[in-house]
Amino acid sequence: MPAAVENLTNLYPNRNIYTLTNAMSNIDKRNILDNEVFTYRVGKDQQVFIAWHGKQVTILRGNAAERFLKKITGLEGKAAQLVMAKVTGNFKRGNERR
């Protein structure tokens, strides 16, 4: 079982492996998340800074930062990239920083 699917089974224990594998292949059809384009770091006061290709795209504070850190703890690879992609949302529509 690929590591990304194994991480997702830990994150979503009530779903079967086929559903998770199929969902993962439909989410990242172009395999962009394999390149690990998202990174994050934790700053002062538990703020979480998420970057895409080294450019900061969002800052999480308070409850959002806590939820993010709970979700991403123990994840690596594509599963972690997917969590960061979902948290950032659809940021590439005119509001990204240059």
N, C-alpha and C. Protein backbone atom coordinates (compact mmCIF):
# COMPACT_ATOMS: atom_id res chain seq x y z
N MET A 1 0.85 -1.17 0.00
CA MET A 1 0.00 0.00 0.00
C MET A 1 0.90 1.24 0.00
N PRO A 2 0.65 2.20 -0.92
CA PRO A 2 1.46 3.42 -0.94
C PRO A 2 1.34 4.19 0.37
N ALA A 3 2.40 4.90 0.72
CA ALA A 3 2.43 5.64 2.00
C ALA A 3 1.32 6.67 2.07
N ALA A 4 1.02 7.34 0.94
CA ALA A 4 -0.03 8.35 0.96
C ALA A 4 -1.38 7.74 1.30
N VAL A 5 -1.67 6.57 0.73
CA VAL A 5 -2.95 5.90 1.01
C VAL A 5 -2.98 5.42 2.45
N GLU A 6 -1.85 4.91 2.95
CA GLU A 6 -1.79 4.46 4.33
C GLU A 6 -2.05 5.62 5.29
N ASN A 7 -1.47 6.79 4.98
CA ASN A 7 -1.71 7.97 5.81
C ASN A 7 -3.17 8.38 5.76
N LEU A 8 -3.79 8.27 4.58
CA LEU A 8 -5.20 8.63 4.47
C LEU A 8 -6.08 7.64 5.23
N THR A 9 -5.71 6.36 5.26
CA THR A 9 -6.52 5.40 6.02
C THR A 9 -6.45 5.70 7.50
N ASN A 10 -5.32 6.24 7.96
CA ASN A 10 -5.23 6.65 9.36
C ASN A 10 -6.07 7.89 9.61
N LEU A 11 -6.13 8.79 8.63
CA LEU A 11 -6.88 10.03 8.77
C LEU A 11 -8.39 9.79 8.66
N TYR A 12 -8.78 8.85 7.78
CA TYR A 12 -10.20 8.52 7.56
C TYR A 12 -10.41 7.02 7.78
N PRO A 13 -10.46 6.57 9.03
CA PRO A 13 -10.53 5.13 9.30
C PRO A 13 -11.83 4.45 8.87
N ASN A 14 -12.89 5.20 8.65
CA ASN A 14 -14.18 4.60 8.30
C ASN A 14 -14.36 4.37 6.80
N ARG A 15 -13.36 4.69 6.00
CA ARG A 15 -13.47 4.52 4.55
C ARG A 15 -12.58 3.38 4.10
N ASN A 16 -13.00 2.68 3.05
CA ASN A 16 -12.18 1.56 2.59
C ASN A 16 -11.04 2.04 1.69
N ILE A 17 -10.07 1.16 1.47
CA ILE A 17 -8.85 1.52 0.75
C ILE A 17 -9.15 1.87 -0.70
N TYR A 18 -10.05 1.14 -1.36
CA TYR A 18 -10.38 1.41 -2.75
C TYR A 18 -10.92 2.83 -2.92
N THR A 19 -11.82 3.21 -2.05
CA THR A 19 -12.41 4.55 -2.12
C THR A 19 -11.33 5.61 -1.94
N LEU A 20 -10.43 5.41 -0.97
CA LEU A 20 -9.38 6.39 -0.72
C LEU A 20 -8.39 6.46 -1.88
N THR A 21 -8.01 5.31 -2.46
CA THR A 21 -7.08 5.30 -3.58
C THR A 21 -7.71 5.99 -4.79
N ASN A 22 -8.96 5.68 -5.05
CA ASN A 22 -9.66 6.29 -6.17
C ASN A 22 -9.83 7.79 -5.96
N ALA A 23 -10.15 8.20 -4.74
CA ALA A 23 -10.31 9.62 -4.44
C ALA A 23 -9.00 10.36 -4.60
N MET A 24 -7.89 9.75 -4.16
CA MET A 24 -6.58 10.38 -4.28
C MET A 24 -6.20 10.56 -5.75
N SER A 25 -6.48 9.56 -6.58
CA SER A 25 -6.11 9.68 -7.99
C SER A 25 -6.97 10.73 -8.69
N ASN A 26 -8.22 10.91 -8.25
CA ASN A 26 -9.07 11.93 -8.86
C ASN A 26 -8.72 13.33 -8.39
N ILE A 27 -8.16 13.47 -7.20
CA ILE A 27 -7.84 14.78 -6.67
C ILE A 27 -6.62 15.37 -7.35
N ASP A 28 -5.59 14.57 -7.52
CA ASP A 28 -4.32 15.05 -8.07
C ASP A 28 -4.01 14.35 -9.39
N LYS A 29 -4.81 14.64 -10.40
CA LYS A 29 -4.68 13.94 -11.68
C LYS A 29 -3.35 14.21 -12.37
N ARG A 30 -2.80 15.40 -12.18
CA ARG A 30 -1.53 15.74 -12.85
C ARG A 30 -0.31 15.47 -11.97
N ASN A 31 -0.52 14.86 -10.81
CA ASN A 31 0.57 14.50 -9.89
C ASN A 31 1.43 15.68 -9.48
N ILE A 32 0.84 16.84 -9.32
CA ILE A 32 1.57 18.03 -8.91
C ILE A 32 2.02 17.90 -7.45
N LEU A 33 1.20 17.28 -6.62
CA LEU A 33 1.53 17.19 -5.20
C LEU A 33 2.69 16.23 -4.92
N ASP A 34 3.06 15.41 -5.91
CA ASP A 34 4.23 14.54 -5.75
C ASP A 34 5.51 15.35 -5.62
N ASN A 35 5.53 16.55 -6.18
CA ASN A 35 6.72 17.41 -6.14
C ASN A 35 6.86 18.17 -4.84
N GLU A 36 5.92 17.97 -3.92
CA GLU A 36 5.91 18.67 -2.63
C GLU A 36 6.05 20.17 -2.81
N VAL A 37 5.05 20.76 -3.43
CA VAL A 37 5.05 22.19 -3.75
C VAL A 37 4.69 23.05 -2.54
N PHE A 38 4.02 22.46 -1.54
CA PHE A 38 3.63 23.22 -0.35
C PHE A 38 4.60 22.94 0.79
N THR A 39 4.88 23.96 1.57
CA THR A 39 5.66 23.83 2.80
C THR A 39 4.96 24.64 3.89
N TYR A 40 5.29 24.34 5.13
CA TYR A 40 4.73 25.14 6.22
C TYR A 40 5.77 25.27 7.32
N ARG A 41 5.59 26.31 8.12
CA ARG A 41 6.42 26.49 9.30
C ARG A 41 5.56 27.11 10.39
N VAL A 42 5.92 26.82 11.61
CA VAL A 42 5.19 27.34 12.77
C VAL A 42 5.99 28.49 13.34
N GLY A 43 5.35 29.64 13.47
CA GLY A 43 6.01 30.83 13.99
C GLY A 43 5.59 31.12 15.42
N LYS A 44 5.78 32.38 15.82
CA LYS A 44 5.41 32.81 17.15
C LYS A 44 3.91 32.63 17.38
N ASP A 45 3.54 32.44 18.61
CA ASP A 45 2.13 32.33 19.00
C ASP A 45 1.39 31.25 18.21
N GLN A 46 2.10 30.18 17.81
CA GLN A 46 1.51 29.07 17.08
C GLN A 46 0.85 29.48 15.77
N GLN A 47 1.36 30.51 15.13
CA GLN A 47 0.89 30.86 13.79
C GLN A 47 1.52 29.89 12.81
N VAL A 48 0.76 29.49 11.80
CA VAL A 48 1.27 28.57 10.78
C VAL A 48 1.32 29.32 9.46
N PHE A 49 2.49 29.34 8.84
CA PHE A 49 2.71 30.00 7.56
C PHE A 49 2.81 28.91 6.50
N ILE A 50 1.93 28.96 5.50
CA ILE A 50 1.95 27.96 4.43
C ILE A 50 2.42 28.65 3.16
N ALA A 51 3.38 28.00 2.49
CA ALA A 51 3.96 28.55 1.28
C ALA A 51 3.79 27.58 0.12
N TRP A 52 3.69 28.12 -1.07
CA TRP A 52 3.61 27.36 -2.31
C TRP A 52 4.79 27.77 -3.18
N HIS A 53 5.64 26.85 -3.50
CA HIS A 53 6.88 27.13 -4.24
C HIS A 53 7.69 28.24 -3.57
N GLY A 54 7.70 28.25 -2.23
CA GLY A 54 8.50 29.22 -1.48
C GLY A 54 7.84 30.57 -1.26
N LYS A 55 6.67 30.79 -1.84
CA LYS A 55 5.96 32.06 -1.64
C LYS A 55 4.82 31.85 -0.67
N GLN A 56 4.78 32.68 0.35
CA GLN A 56 3.74 32.57 1.37
C GLN A 56 2.38 32.84 0.76
N VAL A 57 1.43 31.91 1.00
CA VAL A 57 0.09 32.09 0.45
C VAL A 57 -0.97 32.25 1.52
N THR A 58 -0.71 31.78 2.74
CA THR A 58 -1.70 31.97 3.80
C THR A 58 -1.05 31.86 5.17
N ILE A 59 -1.72 32.46 6.14
CA ILE A 59 -1.31 32.38 7.54
C ILE A 59 -2.50 31.87 8.33
N LEU A 60 -2.28 30.85 9.14
CA LEU A 60 -3.33 30.33 10.01
C LEU A 60 -3.05 30.74 11.44
N ARG A 61 -4.08 31.19 12.12
CA ARG A 61 -3.94 31.61 13.51
C ARG A 61 -5.03 30.97 14.34
N GLY A 62 -4.80 30.87 15.62
CA GLY A 62 -5.83 30.41 16.56
C GLY A 62 -6.31 29.00 16.30
N ASN A 63 -7.64 28.84 16.28
CA ASN A 63 -8.25 27.51 16.12
C ASN A 63 -7.91 26.87 14.78
N ALA A 64 -7.83 27.67 13.74
CA ALA A 64 -7.50 27.13 12.41
C ALA A 64 -6.09 26.53 12.42
N ALA A 65 -5.16 27.21 13.08
CA ALA A 65 -3.79 26.70 13.17
C ALA A 65 -3.74 25.41 13.98
N GLU A 66 -4.49 25.36 15.07
CA GLU A 66 -4.53 24.15 15.90
C GLU A 66 -5.10 22.97 15.12
N ARG A 67 -6.21 23.19 14.40
CA ARG A 67 -6.82 22.12 13.61
C ARG A 67 -5.85 21.63 12.54
N PHE A 68 -5.16 22.57 11.88
CA PHE A 68 -4.20 22.21 10.85
C PHE A 68 -3.07 21.35 11.42
N LEU A 69 -2.53 21.76 12.55
CA LEU A 69 -1.42 21.02 13.15
C LEU A 69 -1.85 19.62 13.59
N LYS A 70 -3.10 19.49 14.07
CA LYS A 70 -3.61 18.16 14.44
C LYS A 70 -3.72 17.27 13.20
N LYS A 71 -4.21 17.84 12.10
CA LYS A 71 -4.39 17.05 10.88
C LYS A 71 -3.05 16.62 10.28
N ILE A 72 -2.08 17.50 10.29
CA ILE A 72 -0.84 17.23 9.57
C ILE A 72 0.18 16.44 10.39
N THR A 73 -0.03 16.36 11.70
CA THR A 73 0.88 15.59 12.54
C THR A 73 0.87 14.13 12.12
N GLY A 74 2.03 13.60 11.81
CA GLY A 74 2.16 12.21 11.41
C GLY A 74 1.99 11.96 9.92
N LEU A 75 1.60 12.97 9.17
CA LEU A 75 1.45 12.80 7.73
C LEU A 75 2.73 13.22 7.01
N GLU A 76 2.96 12.62 5.88
CA GLU A 76 4.10 13.02 5.07
C GLU A 76 3.76 12.78 3.61
N GLY A 77 4.55 13.33 2.74
CA GLY A 77 4.36 13.12 1.31
C GLY A 77 3.08 13.72 0.78
N LYS A 78 2.43 12.95 -0.08
CA LYS A 78 1.25 13.43 -0.78
C LYS A 78 0.08 13.73 0.17
N ALA A 79 -0.05 12.97 1.22
CA ALA A 79 -1.14 13.20 2.18
C ALA A 79 -0.98 14.55 2.86
N ALA A 80 0.24 14.89 3.25
CA ALA A 80 0.50 16.20 3.87
C ALA A 80 0.29 17.31 2.86
N GLN A 81 0.71 17.08 1.61
CA GLN A 81 0.52 18.08 0.57
C GLN A 81 -0.97 18.34 0.34
N LEU A 82 -1.76 17.28 0.39
CA LEU A 82 -3.20 17.41 0.18
C LEU A 82 -3.85 18.23 1.29
N VAL A 83 -3.43 18.02 2.53
CA VAL A 83 -3.97 18.79 3.65
C VAL A 83 -3.63 20.28 3.46
N MET A 84 -2.38 20.57 3.10
CA MET A 84 -1.99 21.98 2.89
C MET A 84 -2.73 22.59 1.71
N ALA A 85 -2.94 21.82 0.65
CA ALA A 85 -3.68 22.34 -0.51
C ALA A 85 -5.11 22.67 -0.14
N LYS A 86 -5.74 21.81 0.65
CA LYS A 86 -7.12 22.06 1.06
C LYS A 86 -7.24 23.27 1.97
N VAL A 87 -6.25 23.46 2.85
CA VAL A 87 -6.29 24.60 3.77
C VAL A 87 -6.11 25.91 3.01
N THR A 88 -5.25 25.91 2.01
CA THR A 88 -5.01 27.15 1.26
C THR A 88 -6.17 27.48 0.35
N GLY A 89 -6.93 26.49 -0.05
CA GLY A 89 -8.08 26.74 -0.91
C GLY A 89 -7.65 27.06 -2.33
N ASN A 90 -8.47 27.79 -3.02
CA ASN A 90 -8.24 28.13 -4.41
C ASN A 90 -7.55 29.49 -4.49
N PHE A 91 -6.31 29.54 -4.02
CA PHE A 91 -5.62 30.81 -3.87
C PHE A 91 -5.09 31.38 -5.18
N LYS A 92 -4.99 30.57 -6.22
CA LYS A 92 -4.38 31.04 -7.47
C LYS A 92 -5.40 31.71 -8.39
N ARG A 93 -6.21 32.54 -7.87
CA ARG A 93 -7.20 33.23 -8.69
C ARG A 93 -7.15 34.74 -8.47
N GLY A 94 -5.95 35.29 -8.43
CA GLY A 94 -5.81 36.73 -8.36
C GLY A 94 -5.42 37.29 -7.01
N ASN A 95 -5.41 36.45 -5.99
CA ASN A 95 -5.07 37.00 -4.68
C ASN A 95 -3.73 36.50 -4.17
N GLU A 96 -2.93 35.82 -5.02
CA GLU A 96 -1.64 35.37 -4.55
C GLU A 96 -0.66 36.55 -4.49
N ARG A 97 0.28 36.45 -3.59
CA ARG A 97 1.24 37.54 -3.43
C ARG A 97 2.33 37.42 -4.48
N ARG A 98 2.80 38.55 -4.93
CA ARG A 98 3.84 38.55 -5.98
C ARG A 98 5.14 39.05 -5.43
